[in-house]
């Protein structure tokens, strides 16, 4: 039997990021990228927000998709209007957990997914040990979590997003990209800290191969 989730308090510490300005962005590299990923925490500081908006505008003008992680329920609560406008104008993908999604649209996970998906191309809502939901114009994918011996959940959301974005860049379908994200998240929670100690490359290759070869499989079809 799983233990109920424990409440947590986040203390954002942007540190060196507070000095990030428009001239620090290497536009040549951004232009050659497939996805720009932006954290919601950047929207808390006026100067960082300006820099993030500059990067997102440049990305959109050059065909680079924009991914946004809402970051924290408090961030969403304090910046709800601005975040909604940014998602509508710049967002292609958005990542949120249940609490962040509820702060944004006032709905539980499944209903929130439907609502947020109207703002962006791909909406992702993480539901902890129960996995995640991913929705695009074709429908909703229910992504299971990987079994893991949980020691520390620090970094689980970041690694999940990294896996989904990696799969997307490798042209896997969303069902497989979600599973790659779940795999990465499962590996990071098995140790202290936010770094993955072990990646089973064979498992990862199997997931990616399945994503490329079973695009029309009933197992990977949206609901």
N, C-alpha and C. Protein backbone atom coordinates (compact mmCIF):
# COMPACT_ATOMS: atom_id res chain seq x y z
N UNK A 1 0.85 -1.20 0.00
CA UNK A 1 0.00 0.00 0.00
C UNK A 1 0.89 1.25 0.00
N UNK A 2 0.58 2.18 -0.90
CA UNK A 2 1.39 3.38 -1.00
C UNK A 2 1.08 4.36 0.13
N UNK A 3 2.12 5.05 0.59
CA UNK A 3 1.90 6.11 1.56
C UNK A 3 1.28 7.30 0.84
N UNK A 4 0.38 8.04 1.51
CA UNK A 4 -0.18 9.23 0.88
C UNK A 4 0.92 10.26 0.65
N UNK A 5 0.79 11.09 -0.40
CA UNK A 5 1.81 12.10 -0.66
C UNK A 5 1.92 13.09 0.49
N UNK A 6 3.15 13.49 0.79
CA UNK A 6 3.38 14.43 1.88
C UNK A 6 3.46 15.84 1.32
N UNK A 7 2.89 16.82 2.03
CA UNK A 7 2.98 18.20 1.55
C UNK A 7 4.41 18.69 1.58
N UNK A 8 4.73 19.60 0.68
CA UNK A 8 6.08 20.15 0.63
C UNK A 8 6.00 21.65 0.42
N UNK A 9 7.07 22.34 0.79
CA UNK A 9 7.16 23.78 0.61
C UNK A 9 8.37 24.06 -0.26
N UNK A 10 8.19 24.87 -1.30
CA UNK A 10 9.28 25.18 -2.21
C UNK A 10 9.85 26.55 -1.89
N UNK A 11 11.17 26.64 -1.90
CA UNK A 11 11.85 27.91 -1.72
C UNK A 11 12.72 28.15 -2.96
N UNK A 12 12.19 28.84 -3.97
CA UNK A 12 12.96 29.06 -5.20
C UNK A 12 14.23 29.86 -4.91
N UNK A 13 15.32 29.45 -5.55
CA UNK A 13 16.59 30.16 -5.41
C UNK A 13 17.24 30.27 -6.79
N UNK A 14 16.88 31.29 -7.56
CA UNK A 14 17.40 31.40 -8.93
C UNK A 14 18.91 31.60 -8.99
N UNK A 15 19.51 32.13 -7.92
CA UNK A 15 20.97 32.31 -7.84
C UNK A 15 21.50 33.02 -9.07
N UNK A 16 22.42 32.35 -9.81
CA UNK A 16 23.06 32.99 -10.95
C UNK A 16 22.07 33.37 -12.04
N UNK A 17 20.94 32.69 -12.09
CA UNK A 17 19.94 33.00 -13.12
C UNK A 17 19.42 34.42 -12.98
N UNK A 18 19.52 35.01 -11.78
CA UNK A 18 19.06 36.38 -11.58
C UNK A 18 19.81 37.37 -12.45
N UNK A 19 21.00 36.98 -12.90
CA UNK A 19 21.81 37.86 -13.74
C UNK A 19 21.62 37.59 -15.23
N UNK A 20 20.72 36.67 -15.56
CA UNK A 20 20.51 36.31 -16.97
C UNK A 20 19.80 37.44 -17.70
N UNK A 21 20.41 37.92 -18.78
CA UNK A 21 19.84 38.99 -19.57
C UNK A 21 19.75 38.58 -21.03
N UNK A 22 19.09 39.41 -21.82
CA UNK A 22 18.86 39.07 -23.23
C UNK A 22 20.16 38.79 -23.97
N UNK A 23 21.19 39.59 -23.70
CA UNK A 23 22.46 39.42 -24.42
C UNK A 23 23.18 38.13 -24.06
N UNK A 24 22.73 37.46 -22.98
CA UNK A 24 23.35 36.19 -22.59
C UNK A 24 22.83 35.01 -23.40
N UNK A 25 21.74 35.19 -24.10
CA UNK A 25 21.16 34.10 -24.89
C UNK A 25 21.92 33.97 -26.20
N UNK A 26 22.42 32.78 -26.47
CA UNK A 26 23.15 32.52 -27.72
C UNK A 26 22.12 32.22 -28.80
N UNK A 27 21.77 33.24 -29.56
CA UNK A 27 20.67 33.12 -30.51
C UNK A 27 20.94 32.10 -31.60
N UNK A 28 22.21 31.97 -32.00
CA UNK A 28 22.53 30.99 -33.05
C UNK A 28 22.21 29.57 -32.59
N UNK A 29 22.53 29.28 -31.34
CA UNK A 29 22.24 27.94 -30.81
C UNK A 29 20.74 27.75 -30.59
N UNK A 30 20.07 28.78 -30.11
CA UNK A 30 18.63 28.68 -29.92
C UNK A 30 17.92 28.45 -31.25
N UNK A 31 18.38 29.13 -32.28
CA UNK A 31 17.75 28.99 -33.60
C UNK A 31 17.90 27.57 -34.15
N UNK A 32 18.99 26.89 -33.76
CA UNK A 32 19.24 25.53 -34.24
C UNK A 32 18.58 24.46 -33.36
N UNK A 33 17.95 24.89 -32.29
CA UNK A 33 17.33 23.95 -31.36
C UNK A 33 15.96 23.51 -31.83
N UNK A 34 15.49 22.40 -31.29
CA UNK A 34 14.14 21.94 -31.60
C UNK A 34 13.13 22.45 -30.59
N UNK A 35 13.56 22.55 -29.33
CA UNK A 35 12.65 22.97 -28.26
C UNK A 35 13.38 23.89 -27.29
N UNK A 36 12.72 24.97 -26.89
CA UNK A 36 13.18 25.82 -25.80
C UNK A 36 12.33 25.49 -24.58
N UNK A 37 12.98 25.12 -23.48
CA UNK A 37 12.24 24.78 -22.25
C UNK A 37 12.41 25.89 -21.23
N UNK A 38 11.30 26.39 -20.72
CA UNK A 38 11.30 27.53 -19.79
C UNK A 38 10.61 27.11 -18.49
N UNK A 39 11.23 27.46 -17.37
CA UNK A 39 10.65 27.17 -16.06
C UNK A 39 9.76 28.32 -15.61
N UNK A 40 8.64 27.99 -14.98
CA UNK A 40 7.73 29.01 -14.48
C UNK A 40 8.37 29.94 -13.46
N UNK A 41 9.40 29.46 -12.75
CA UNK A 41 10.07 30.29 -11.76
C UNK A 41 10.65 31.56 -12.38
N UNK A 42 10.99 31.51 -13.66
CA UNK A 42 11.57 32.68 -14.32
C UNK A 42 10.58 33.83 -14.41
N UNK A 43 9.30 33.53 -14.27
CA UNK A 43 8.27 34.56 -14.41
C UNK A 43 8.05 35.35 -13.12
N UNK A 44 8.73 34.97 -12.05
CA UNK A 44 8.57 35.64 -10.76
C UNK A 44 9.37 36.94 -10.68
N UNK A 45 10.48 37.00 -11.39
CA UNK A 45 11.36 38.16 -11.36
C UNK A 45 11.17 38.97 -12.64
N UNK A 46 11.02 40.27 -12.51
CA UNK A 46 10.71 41.11 -13.67
C UNK A 46 11.78 41.02 -14.76
N UNK A 47 13.05 41.06 -14.35
CA UNK A 47 14.12 41.01 -15.34
C UNK A 47 14.20 39.63 -15.99
N UNK A 48 14.06 38.58 -15.19
CA UNK A 48 14.10 37.23 -15.75
C UNK A 48 12.91 36.99 -16.68
N UNK A 49 11.76 37.53 -16.31
CA UNK A 49 10.58 37.39 -17.17
C UNK A 49 10.81 38.05 -18.51
N UNK A 50 11.41 39.22 -18.50
CA UNK A 50 11.72 39.92 -19.75
C UNK A 50 12.65 39.09 -20.62
N UNK A 51 13.66 38.50 -20.00
CA UNK A 51 14.60 37.66 -20.75
C UNK A 51 13.92 36.42 -21.31
N UNK A 52 13.07 35.79 -20.49
CA UNK A 52 12.35 34.60 -20.94
C UNK A 52 11.42 34.92 -22.10
N UNK A 53 10.72 36.03 -22.02
CA UNK A 53 9.81 36.43 -23.10
C UNK A 53 10.58 36.71 -24.38
N UNK A 54 11.74 37.32 -24.24
CA UNK A 54 12.60 37.58 -25.40
C UNK A 54 13.00 36.27 -26.08
N UNK A 55 13.41 35.30 -25.26
CA UNK A 55 13.82 34.01 -25.81
C UNK A 55 12.65 33.29 -26.47
N UNK A 56 11.48 33.33 -25.82
CA UNK A 56 10.31 32.65 -26.39
C UNK A 56 9.87 33.31 -27.69
N UNK A 57 9.91 34.63 -27.75
CA UNK A 57 9.54 35.33 -28.99
C UNK A 57 10.49 34.95 -30.12
N UNK A 58 11.79 34.94 -29.82
CA UNK A 58 12.77 34.55 -30.83
C UNK A 58 12.54 33.12 -31.29
N UNK A 59 12.27 32.24 -30.34
CA UNK A 59 12.03 30.83 -30.68
C UNK A 59 10.84 30.70 -31.63
N UNK A 60 9.75 31.37 -31.31
CA UNK A 60 8.55 31.26 -32.16
C UNK A 60 8.81 31.81 -33.56
N UNK A 61 9.60 32.86 -33.64
CA UNK A 61 9.90 33.46 -34.95
C UNK A 61 10.78 32.57 -35.80
N UNK A 62 11.47 31.62 -35.17
CA UNK A 62 12.41 30.77 -35.91
C UNK A 62 12.02 29.30 -35.88
N UNK A 63 10.76 29.03 -35.63
CA UNK A 63 10.27 27.66 -35.73
C UNK A 63 10.71 26.72 -34.63
N UNK A 64 11.13 27.27 -33.50
CA UNK A 64 11.54 26.45 -32.35
C UNK A 64 10.35 26.33 -31.40
N UNK A 65 9.99 25.12 -31.05
CA UNK A 65 8.85 24.93 -30.15
C UNK A 65 9.21 25.37 -28.74
N UNK A 66 8.20 25.85 -28.02
CA UNK A 66 8.40 26.36 -26.66
C UNK A 66 7.69 25.45 -25.66
N UNK A 67 8.47 24.95 -24.71
CA UNK A 67 7.95 24.11 -23.62
C UNK A 67 8.02 24.91 -22.32
N UNK A 68 6.94 24.86 -21.54
CA UNK A 68 6.89 25.63 -20.29
C UNK A 68 6.49 24.70 -19.15
N UNK A 69 7.28 24.69 -18.08
CA UNK A 69 6.94 23.96 -16.86
C UNK A 69 6.42 24.98 -15.85
N UNK A 70 5.21 24.78 -15.36
CA UNK A 70 4.61 25.77 -14.46
C UNK A 70 5.37 25.94 -13.16
N UNK A 71 6.09 24.91 -12.73
CA UNK A 71 7.07 25.07 -11.66
C UNK A 71 6.59 24.86 -10.24
N UNK A 72 5.52 25.54 -9.83
CA UNK A 72 5.10 25.49 -8.43
C UNK A 72 3.70 26.09 -8.32
N UNK A 73 2.83 25.54 -7.46
CA UNK A 73 1.48 26.10 -7.33
C UNK A 73 1.48 27.58 -6.94
N UNK A 74 2.43 27.97 -6.08
CA UNK A 74 2.51 29.37 -5.68
C UNK A 74 2.86 30.28 -6.83
N UNK A 75 3.76 29.83 -7.69
CA UNK A 75 4.11 30.61 -8.88
C UNK A 75 2.87 30.83 -9.74
N UNK A 76 2.09 29.77 -9.92
CA UNK A 76 0.88 29.87 -10.74
C UNK A 76 -0.13 30.80 -10.08
N UNK A 77 -0.30 30.66 -8.77
CA UNK A 77 -1.27 31.49 -8.05
C UNK A 77 -0.94 32.97 -8.19
N UNK A 78 0.32 33.31 -8.10
CA UNK A 78 0.73 34.71 -8.14
C UNK A 78 0.80 35.28 -9.55
N UNK A 79 0.84 34.41 -10.55
CA UNK A 79 1.05 34.88 -11.93
C UNK A 79 0.05 34.26 -12.90
N UNK A 80 -1.14 33.95 -12.41
CA UNK A 80 -2.12 33.19 -13.20
C UNK A 80 -2.45 33.86 -14.53
N UNK A 81 -2.75 35.14 -14.51
CA UNK A 81 -3.13 35.84 -15.75
C UNK A 81 -1.96 35.86 -16.72
N UNK A 82 -0.77 36.21 -16.23
CA UNK A 82 0.41 36.28 -17.09
C UNK A 82 0.74 34.92 -17.68
N UNK A 83 0.67 33.87 -16.87
CA UNK A 83 0.98 32.53 -17.37
C UNK A 83 -0.01 32.10 -18.44
N UNK A 84 -1.28 32.37 -18.22
CA UNK A 84 -2.29 32.01 -19.23
C UNK A 84 -2.01 32.72 -20.54
N UNK A 85 -1.68 34.00 -20.48
CA UNK A 85 -1.37 34.76 -21.69
C UNK A 85 -0.13 34.23 -22.39
N UNK A 86 0.88 33.86 -21.60
CA UNK A 86 2.12 33.33 -22.18
C UNK A 86 1.87 31.99 -22.85
N UNK A 87 1.09 31.13 -22.21
CA UNK A 87 0.77 29.83 -22.82
C UNK A 87 0.04 30.02 -24.14
N UNK A 88 -0.91 30.93 -24.17
CA UNK A 88 -1.68 31.16 -25.39
C UNK A 88 -0.80 31.71 -26.51
N UNK A 89 0.13 32.58 -26.17
CA UNK A 89 0.93 33.25 -27.18
C UNK A 89 2.14 32.45 -27.62
N UNK A 90 2.80 31.78 -26.66
CA UNK A 90 4.08 31.14 -26.97
C UNK A 90 4.09 29.62 -26.80
N UNK A 91 3.26 29.09 -25.94
CA UNK A 91 3.40 27.69 -25.53
C UNK A 91 3.04 26.68 -26.61
N UNK A 92 3.90 25.69 -26.76
CA UNK A 92 3.61 24.51 -27.57
C UNK A 92 3.37 23.30 -26.66
N UNK A 93 4.18 23.19 -25.61
CA UNK A 93 4.02 22.14 -24.61
C UNK A 93 3.97 22.78 -23.24
N UNK A 94 3.19 22.20 -22.35
CA UNK A 94 3.17 22.68 -20.97
C UNK A 94 3.16 21.49 -20.02
N UNK A 95 3.97 21.59 -18.96
CA UNK A 95 4.03 20.57 -17.92
C UNK A 95 3.48 21.16 -16.62
N UNK A 96 2.62 20.39 -15.94
CA UNK A 96 2.07 20.82 -14.66
C UNK A 96 1.80 19.59 -13.81
N UNK A 97 1.85 19.76 -12.49
CA UNK A 97 1.34 18.70 -11.63
C UNK A 97 -0.11 19.01 -11.27
N UNK A 98 -0.74 18.17 -10.48
CA UNK A 98 -2.16 18.35 -10.19
C UNK A 98 -2.44 19.68 -9.51
N UNK A 99 -1.59 20.06 -8.54
CA UNK A 99 -1.82 21.29 -7.80
C UNK A 99 -1.65 22.51 -8.69
N UNK A 100 -0.62 22.49 -9.53
CA UNK A 100 -0.38 23.63 -10.44
C UNK A 100 -1.53 23.78 -11.44
N UNK A 101 -1.99 22.65 -11.97
CA UNK A 101 -3.09 22.69 -12.92
C UNK A 101 -4.36 23.25 -12.28
N UNK A 102 -4.60 22.84 -11.03
CA UNK A 102 -5.80 23.33 -10.34
C UNK A 102 -5.71 24.82 -10.07
N UNK A 103 -4.52 25.30 -9.73
CA UNK A 103 -4.35 26.74 -9.52
C UNK A 103 -4.61 27.51 -10.82
N UNK A 104 -4.22 26.92 -11.94
CA UNK A 104 -4.35 27.62 -13.22
C UNK A 104 -5.79 27.68 -13.71
N UNK A 105 -6.50 26.55 -13.66
CA UNK A 105 -7.85 26.51 -14.25
C UNK A 105 -8.94 26.12 -13.28
N UNK A 106 -8.58 25.81 -12.02
CA UNK A 106 -9.59 25.51 -11.01
C UNK A 106 -10.27 24.17 -11.17
N UNK A 107 -9.61 23.22 -11.82
CA UNK A 107 -10.21 21.92 -12.09
C UNK A 107 -9.28 20.80 -11.65
N UNK A 108 -9.84 19.61 -11.42
CA UNK A 108 -9.04 18.44 -11.12
C UNK A 108 -8.33 17.96 -12.38
N UNK A 109 -7.40 17.02 -12.20
CA UNK A 109 -6.44 16.67 -13.24
C UNK A 109 -7.06 16.41 -14.62
N UNK A 110 -8.03 15.50 -14.71
CA UNK A 110 -8.56 15.14 -16.03
C UNK A 110 -9.27 16.31 -16.69
N UNK A 111 -10.09 17.04 -15.91
CA UNK A 111 -10.78 18.20 -16.47
C UNK A 111 -9.80 19.32 -16.79
N UNK A 112 -8.80 19.49 -15.94
CA UNK A 112 -7.78 20.52 -16.18
C UNK A 112 -7.02 20.24 -17.46
N UNK A 113 -6.73 18.97 -17.71
CA UNK A 113 -6.02 18.59 -18.93
C UNK A 113 -6.78 19.07 -20.16
N UNK A 114 -8.08 18.84 -20.18
CA UNK A 114 -8.91 19.26 -21.31
C UNK A 114 -8.84 20.77 -21.49
N UNK A 115 -8.90 21.49 -20.38
CA UNK A 115 -8.91 22.95 -20.44
C UNK A 115 -7.56 23.51 -20.89
N UNK A 116 -6.48 23.01 -20.31
CA UNK A 116 -5.16 23.52 -20.64
C UNK A 116 -4.77 23.17 -22.06
N UNK A 117 -5.23 22.02 -22.54
CA UNK A 117 -4.91 21.59 -23.91
C UNK A 117 -5.50 22.53 -24.96
N UNK A 118 -6.44 23.36 -24.57
CA UNK A 118 -6.99 24.34 -25.51
C UNK A 118 -6.04 25.52 -25.71
N UNK A 119 -5.07 25.65 -24.79
CA UNK A 119 -4.13 26.76 -24.86
C UNK A 119 -2.87 26.41 -25.63
N UNK A 120 -2.50 25.13 -25.67
CA UNK A 120 -1.22 24.70 -26.23
C UNK A 120 -1.41 23.47 -27.12
N UNK A 121 -0.35 23.10 -27.81
CA UNK A 121 -0.38 21.92 -28.68
C UNK A 121 -0.41 20.62 -27.87
N UNK A 122 0.41 20.57 -26.81
CA UNK A 122 0.52 19.37 -25.98
C UNK A 122 0.47 19.77 -24.51
N UNK A 123 -0.46 19.19 -23.77
CA UNK A 123 -0.57 19.45 -22.33
C UNK A 123 -0.21 18.18 -21.57
N UNK A 124 0.59 18.33 -20.52
CA UNK A 124 1.03 17.20 -19.71
C UNK A 124 0.72 17.50 -18.25
N UNK A 125 -0.01 16.60 -17.60
CA UNK A 125 -0.28 16.75 -16.17
C UNK A 125 0.24 15.51 -15.45
N UNK A 126 1.13 15.75 -14.48
CA UNK A 126 1.74 14.67 -13.70
C UNK A 126 0.87 14.38 -12.48
N UNK A 127 0.63 13.11 -12.24
CA UNK A 127 -0.21 12.71 -11.11
C UNK A 127 0.56 11.77 -10.17
N UNK A 128 1.82 12.09 -9.94
CA UNK A 128 2.64 11.38 -8.97
C UNK A 128 2.83 9.91 -9.29
N UNK A 129 2.61 9.07 -8.29
CA UNK A 129 2.81 7.63 -8.46
C UNK A 129 1.84 7.02 -9.46
N UNK A 130 0.78 7.74 -9.79
CA UNK A 130 -0.20 7.24 -10.77
C UNK A 130 0.19 7.55 -12.20
N UNK A 131 1.35 8.17 -12.40
CA UNK A 131 1.82 8.42 -13.76
C UNK A 131 1.49 9.82 -14.23
N UNK A 132 0.95 9.92 -15.43
CA UNK A 132 0.66 11.23 -16.01
C UNK A 132 -0.38 11.10 -17.11
N UNK A 133 -0.94 12.25 -17.48
CA UNK A 133 -1.84 12.34 -18.62
C UNK A 133 -1.21 13.29 -19.63
N UNK A 134 -1.25 12.90 -20.89
CA UNK A 134 -0.75 13.76 -21.96
C UNK A 134 -1.86 13.91 -23.00
N UNK A 135 -2.11 15.13 -23.41
CA UNK A 135 -3.17 15.36 -24.39
C UNK A 135 -2.68 16.24 -25.53
N UNK A 136 -3.00 15.81 -26.75
CA UNK A 136 -2.80 16.65 -27.93
C UNK A 136 -4.09 16.65 -28.73
N UNK A 137 -4.04 17.13 -29.95
CA UNK A 137 -5.28 17.24 -30.75
C UNK A 137 -5.88 15.88 -31.09
N UNK A 138 -5.10 14.81 -30.96
CA UNK A 138 -5.60 13.47 -31.28
C UNK A 138 -6.30 12.79 -30.12
N UNK A 139 -6.09 13.28 -28.90
CA UNK A 139 -6.72 12.65 -27.75
C UNK A 139 -5.81 12.63 -26.54
N UNK A 140 -6.18 11.81 -25.56
CA UNK A 140 -5.46 11.75 -24.29
C UNK A 140 -4.73 10.43 -24.13
N UNK A 141 -3.48 10.51 -23.70
CA UNK A 141 -2.67 9.32 -23.41
C UNK A 141 -2.52 9.19 -21.90
N UNK A 142 -2.80 8.01 -21.38
CA UNK A 142 -2.59 7.74 -19.96
C UNK A 142 -1.25 7.02 -19.81
N UNK A 143 -0.32 7.67 -19.15
CA UNK A 143 1.04 7.15 -19.04
C UNK A 143 1.26 6.56 -17.65
N UNK A 144 1.58 5.28 -17.56
CA UNK A 144 1.81 4.67 -16.24
C UNK A 144 3.16 5.09 -15.68
N UNK A 145 3.30 4.98 -14.37
CA UNK A 145 4.60 5.21 -13.74
C UNK A 145 5.40 3.92 -13.77
N UNK A 146 6.73 4.05 -13.69
CA UNK A 146 7.59 2.88 -13.56
C UNK A 146 7.72 2.52 -12.08
N UNK A 147 7.81 1.24 -11.81
CA UNK A 147 8.02 0.82 -10.42
C UNK A 147 9.40 1.27 -9.96
N UNK A 148 9.46 1.82 -8.76
CA UNK A 148 10.73 2.29 -8.24
C UNK A 148 10.72 2.23 -6.72
N UNK A 149 11.89 2.05 -6.13
CA UNK A 149 12.05 2.11 -4.68
C UNK A 149 12.38 3.57 -4.34
N UNK A 150 11.38 4.29 -3.88
CA UNK A 150 11.52 5.74 -3.72
C UNK A 150 12.34 6.09 -2.47
N UNK A 151 13.39 6.88 -2.71
CA UNK A 151 14.22 7.39 -1.63
C UNK A 151 14.08 8.91 -1.52
N UNK A 152 14.11 9.59 -2.66
CA UNK A 152 14.05 11.05 -2.67
C UNK A 152 13.42 11.49 -3.99
N UNK A 153 12.33 12.25 -3.92
CA UNK A 153 11.63 12.64 -5.15
C UNK A 153 12.17 13.92 -5.77
N UNK A 154 13.25 14.47 -5.20
CA UNK A 154 13.84 15.68 -5.77
C UNK A 154 14.24 15.44 -7.23
N UNK A 155 13.78 16.29 -8.11
CA UNK A 155 14.16 16.18 -9.52
C UNK A 155 13.28 15.29 -10.35
N UNK A 156 12.30 14.62 -9.74
CA UNK A 156 11.47 13.69 -10.51
C UNK A 156 10.71 14.39 -11.63
N UNK A 157 10.14 15.55 -11.32
CA UNK A 157 9.40 16.28 -12.35
C UNK A 157 10.29 16.77 -13.47
N UNK A 158 11.49 17.24 -13.11
CA UNK A 158 12.42 17.72 -14.12
C UNK A 158 12.89 16.59 -15.03
N UNK A 159 13.20 15.44 -14.43
CA UNK A 159 13.64 14.30 -15.24
C UNK A 159 12.51 13.77 -16.10
N UNK A 160 11.29 13.80 -15.58
CA UNK A 160 10.14 13.38 -16.39
C UNK A 160 10.01 14.28 -17.61
N UNK A 161 10.07 15.60 -17.39
CA UNK A 161 9.97 16.53 -18.52
C UNK A 161 11.11 16.31 -19.51
N UNK A 162 12.32 16.09 -18.99
CA UNK A 162 13.46 15.84 -19.87
C UNK A 162 13.23 14.62 -20.75
N UNK A 163 12.67 13.57 -20.16
CA UNK A 163 12.40 12.36 -20.93
C UNK A 163 11.35 12.57 -22.00
N UNK A 164 10.28 13.28 -21.65
CA UNK A 164 9.23 13.56 -22.63
C UNK A 164 9.79 14.39 -23.78
N UNK A 165 10.57 15.42 -23.46
CA UNK A 165 11.12 16.28 -24.49
C UNK A 165 12.15 15.54 -25.33
N UNK A 166 12.93 14.67 -24.70
CA UNK A 166 13.89 13.86 -25.45
C UNK A 166 13.17 12.96 -26.44
N UNK A 167 12.13 12.28 -25.98
CA UNK A 167 11.36 11.43 -26.88
C UNK A 167 10.73 12.22 -28.01
N UNK A 168 10.23 13.41 -27.70
CA UNK A 168 9.64 14.27 -28.72
C UNK A 168 10.67 14.67 -29.76
N UNK A 169 11.86 15.04 -29.30
CA UNK A 169 12.93 15.42 -30.24
C UNK A 169 13.37 14.25 -31.11
N UNK A 170 13.25 13.04 -30.57
CA UNK A 170 13.61 11.83 -31.32
C UNK A 170 12.45 11.33 -32.18
N UNK A 171 11.36 12.11 -32.22
CA UNK A 171 10.19 11.81 -33.05
C UNK A 171 9.46 10.54 -32.61
N UNK A 172 9.53 10.23 -31.32
CA UNK A 172 8.68 9.18 -30.76
C UNK A 172 7.27 9.74 -30.60
N UNK A 173 6.27 8.85 -30.60
CA UNK A 173 4.93 9.36 -30.35
C UNK A 173 4.78 9.70 -28.87
N UNK A 174 3.69 10.37 -28.52
CA UNK A 174 3.55 10.87 -27.16
C UNK A 174 3.45 9.77 -26.12
N UNK A 175 2.84 8.65 -26.49
CA UNK A 175 2.73 7.54 -25.54
C UNK A 175 4.12 7.04 -25.13
N UNK A 176 5.01 6.93 -26.10
CA UNK A 176 6.36 6.46 -25.80
C UNK A 176 7.19 7.56 -25.15
N UNK A 177 7.04 8.79 -25.60
CA UNK A 177 7.76 9.90 -24.96
C UNK A 177 7.38 9.98 -23.49
N UNK A 178 6.11 9.79 -23.18
CA UNK A 178 5.67 9.79 -21.79
C UNK A 178 6.30 8.66 -21.00
N UNK A 179 6.43 7.51 -21.60
CA UNK A 179 7.05 6.37 -20.91
C UNK A 179 8.54 6.61 -20.68
N UNK A 180 9.19 7.26 -21.62
CA UNK A 180 10.60 7.62 -21.41
C UNK A 180 10.70 8.57 -20.22
N UNK A 181 9.78 9.54 -20.15
CA UNK A 181 9.76 10.45 -19.01
C UNK A 181 9.55 9.71 -17.70
N UNK A 182 8.61 8.77 -17.69
CA UNK A 182 8.36 7.97 -16.48
C UNK A 182 9.58 7.16 -16.09
N UNK A 183 10.28 6.63 -17.09
CA UNK A 183 11.48 5.83 -16.82
C UNK A 183 12.56 6.70 -16.16
N UNK A 184 12.81 7.89 -16.73
CA UNK A 184 13.81 8.79 -16.15
C UNK A 184 13.44 9.18 -14.72
N UNK A 185 12.16 9.50 -14.51
CA UNK A 185 11.71 9.91 -13.18
C UNK A 185 11.90 8.78 -12.17
N UNK A 186 11.59 7.55 -12.58
CA UNK A 186 11.74 6.40 -11.69
C UNK A 186 13.20 6.19 -11.28
N UNK A 187 14.11 6.45 -12.21
CA UNK A 187 15.51 6.24 -11.89
C UNK A 187 16.04 7.30 -10.92
N UNK A 188 15.56 8.54 -11.03
CA UNK A 188 16.12 9.59 -10.17
C UNK A 188 15.58 9.49 -8.74
N UNK A 189 14.37 8.97 -8.54
CA UNK A 189 13.82 8.91 -7.18
C UNK A 189 14.43 7.77 -6.36
N UNK A 190 15.22 6.93 -6.99
CA UNK A 190 15.82 5.80 -6.28
C UNK A 190 17.11 6.16 -5.56
N UNK A 191 17.47 7.45 -5.58
CA UNK A 191 18.69 7.89 -4.91
C UNK A 191 18.50 9.30 -4.39
N UNK A 192 19.39 9.73 -3.50
CA UNK A 192 19.35 11.09 -3.00
C UNK A 192 19.86 12.05 -4.07
N UNK A 193 19.19 13.19 -4.17
CA UNK A 193 19.63 14.19 -5.13
C UNK A 193 18.87 14.13 -6.44
N UNK A 194 19.21 15.06 -7.32
CA UNK A 194 18.44 15.23 -8.55
C UNK A 194 19.17 14.73 -9.79
N UNK A 195 20.16 13.88 -9.61
CA UNK A 195 20.90 13.34 -10.76
C UNK A 195 20.66 11.84 -10.89
N UNK A 196 20.55 11.40 -12.12
CA UNK A 196 20.34 9.98 -12.39
C UNK A 196 21.67 9.25 -12.33
N UNK A 197 21.72 8.17 -11.57
CA UNK A 197 22.96 7.40 -11.44
C UNK A 197 23.06 6.31 -12.50
N UNK A 198 21.91 5.81 -12.95
CA UNK A 198 21.94 4.64 -13.83
C UNK A 198 20.83 4.73 -14.87
N UNK A 199 21.21 4.61 -16.12
CA UNK A 199 20.25 4.53 -17.22
C UNK A 199 20.48 3.22 -17.96
N UNK A 200 19.45 2.43 -18.07
CA UNK A 200 19.53 1.18 -18.82
C UNK A 200 19.36 1.53 -20.30
N UNK A 201 20.48 1.63 -21.00
CA UNK A 201 20.42 2.06 -22.40
C UNK A 201 19.61 1.10 -23.26
N UNK A 202 19.67 -0.18 -22.94
CA UNK A 202 18.90 -1.16 -23.71
C UNK A 202 17.41 -0.91 -23.54
N UNK A 203 16.99 -0.62 -22.31
CA UNK A 203 15.58 -0.32 -22.05
C UNK A 203 15.16 0.95 -22.79
N UNK A 204 16.01 1.97 -22.74
CA UNK A 204 15.71 3.22 -23.43
C UNK A 204 15.60 3.00 -24.93
N UNK A 205 16.52 2.23 -25.49
CA UNK A 205 16.47 1.95 -26.92
C UNK A 205 15.21 1.18 -27.30
N UNK A 206 14.79 0.26 -26.43
CA UNK A 206 13.55 -0.48 -26.71
C UNK A 206 12.35 0.45 -26.73
N UNK A 207 12.30 1.38 -25.79
CA UNK A 207 11.20 2.33 -25.75
C UNK A 207 11.18 3.18 -27.01
N UNK A 208 12.35 3.67 -27.42
CA UNK A 208 12.42 4.53 -28.60
C UNK A 208 12.07 3.77 -29.86
N UNK A 209 12.55 2.52 -29.96
CA UNK A 209 12.23 1.71 -31.13
C UNK A 209 10.74 1.44 -31.21
N UNK A 210 10.12 1.20 -30.06
CA UNK A 210 8.68 0.97 -30.03
C UNK A 210 7.94 2.22 -30.47
N UNK A 211 8.45 3.38 -30.06
CA UNK A 211 7.82 4.63 -30.44
C UNK A 211 7.86 4.86 -31.93
N UNK A 212 8.92 4.42 -32.58
CA UNK A 212 9.03 4.64 -34.02
C UNK A 212 8.26 3.61 -34.82
N UNK A 213 8.17 2.38 -34.31
CA UNK A 213 7.59 1.31 -35.11
C UNK A 213 6.12 1.04 -34.85
N UNK A 214 5.60 1.53 -33.70
CA UNK A 214 4.22 1.21 -33.35
C UNK A 214 3.35 2.46 -33.28
N UNK A 215 3.56 3.39 -34.18
CA UNK A 215 2.81 4.64 -34.15
C UNK A 215 1.31 4.40 -34.29
N UNK A 216 0.92 3.32 -34.96
CA UNK A 216 -0.50 3.05 -35.15
C UNK A 216 -1.00 1.90 -34.29
N UNK A 217 -0.17 1.47 -33.34
CA UNK A 217 -0.55 0.35 -32.49
C UNK A 217 -1.67 0.73 -31.54
N UNK A 218 -2.62 -0.17 -31.27
CA UNK A 218 -3.66 0.11 -30.27
C UNK A 218 -3.09 0.42 -28.90
N UNK A 219 -1.91 -0.14 -28.58
CA UNK A 219 -1.31 0.10 -27.27
C UNK A 219 -0.88 1.55 -27.10
N UNK A 220 -0.59 2.23 -28.22
CA UNK A 220 -0.10 3.59 -28.12
C UNK A 220 -1.12 4.60 -28.61
N UNK A 221 -2.34 4.16 -28.86
CA UNK A 221 -3.37 5.06 -29.36
C UNK A 221 -3.97 5.88 -28.23
N UNK A 222 -4.32 7.15 -28.50
CA UNK A 222 -4.94 7.98 -27.47
C UNK A 222 -6.35 7.54 -27.18
N UNK A 223 -6.83 7.90 -26.00
CA UNK A 223 -8.20 7.58 -25.61
C UNK A 223 -9.10 8.80 -25.84
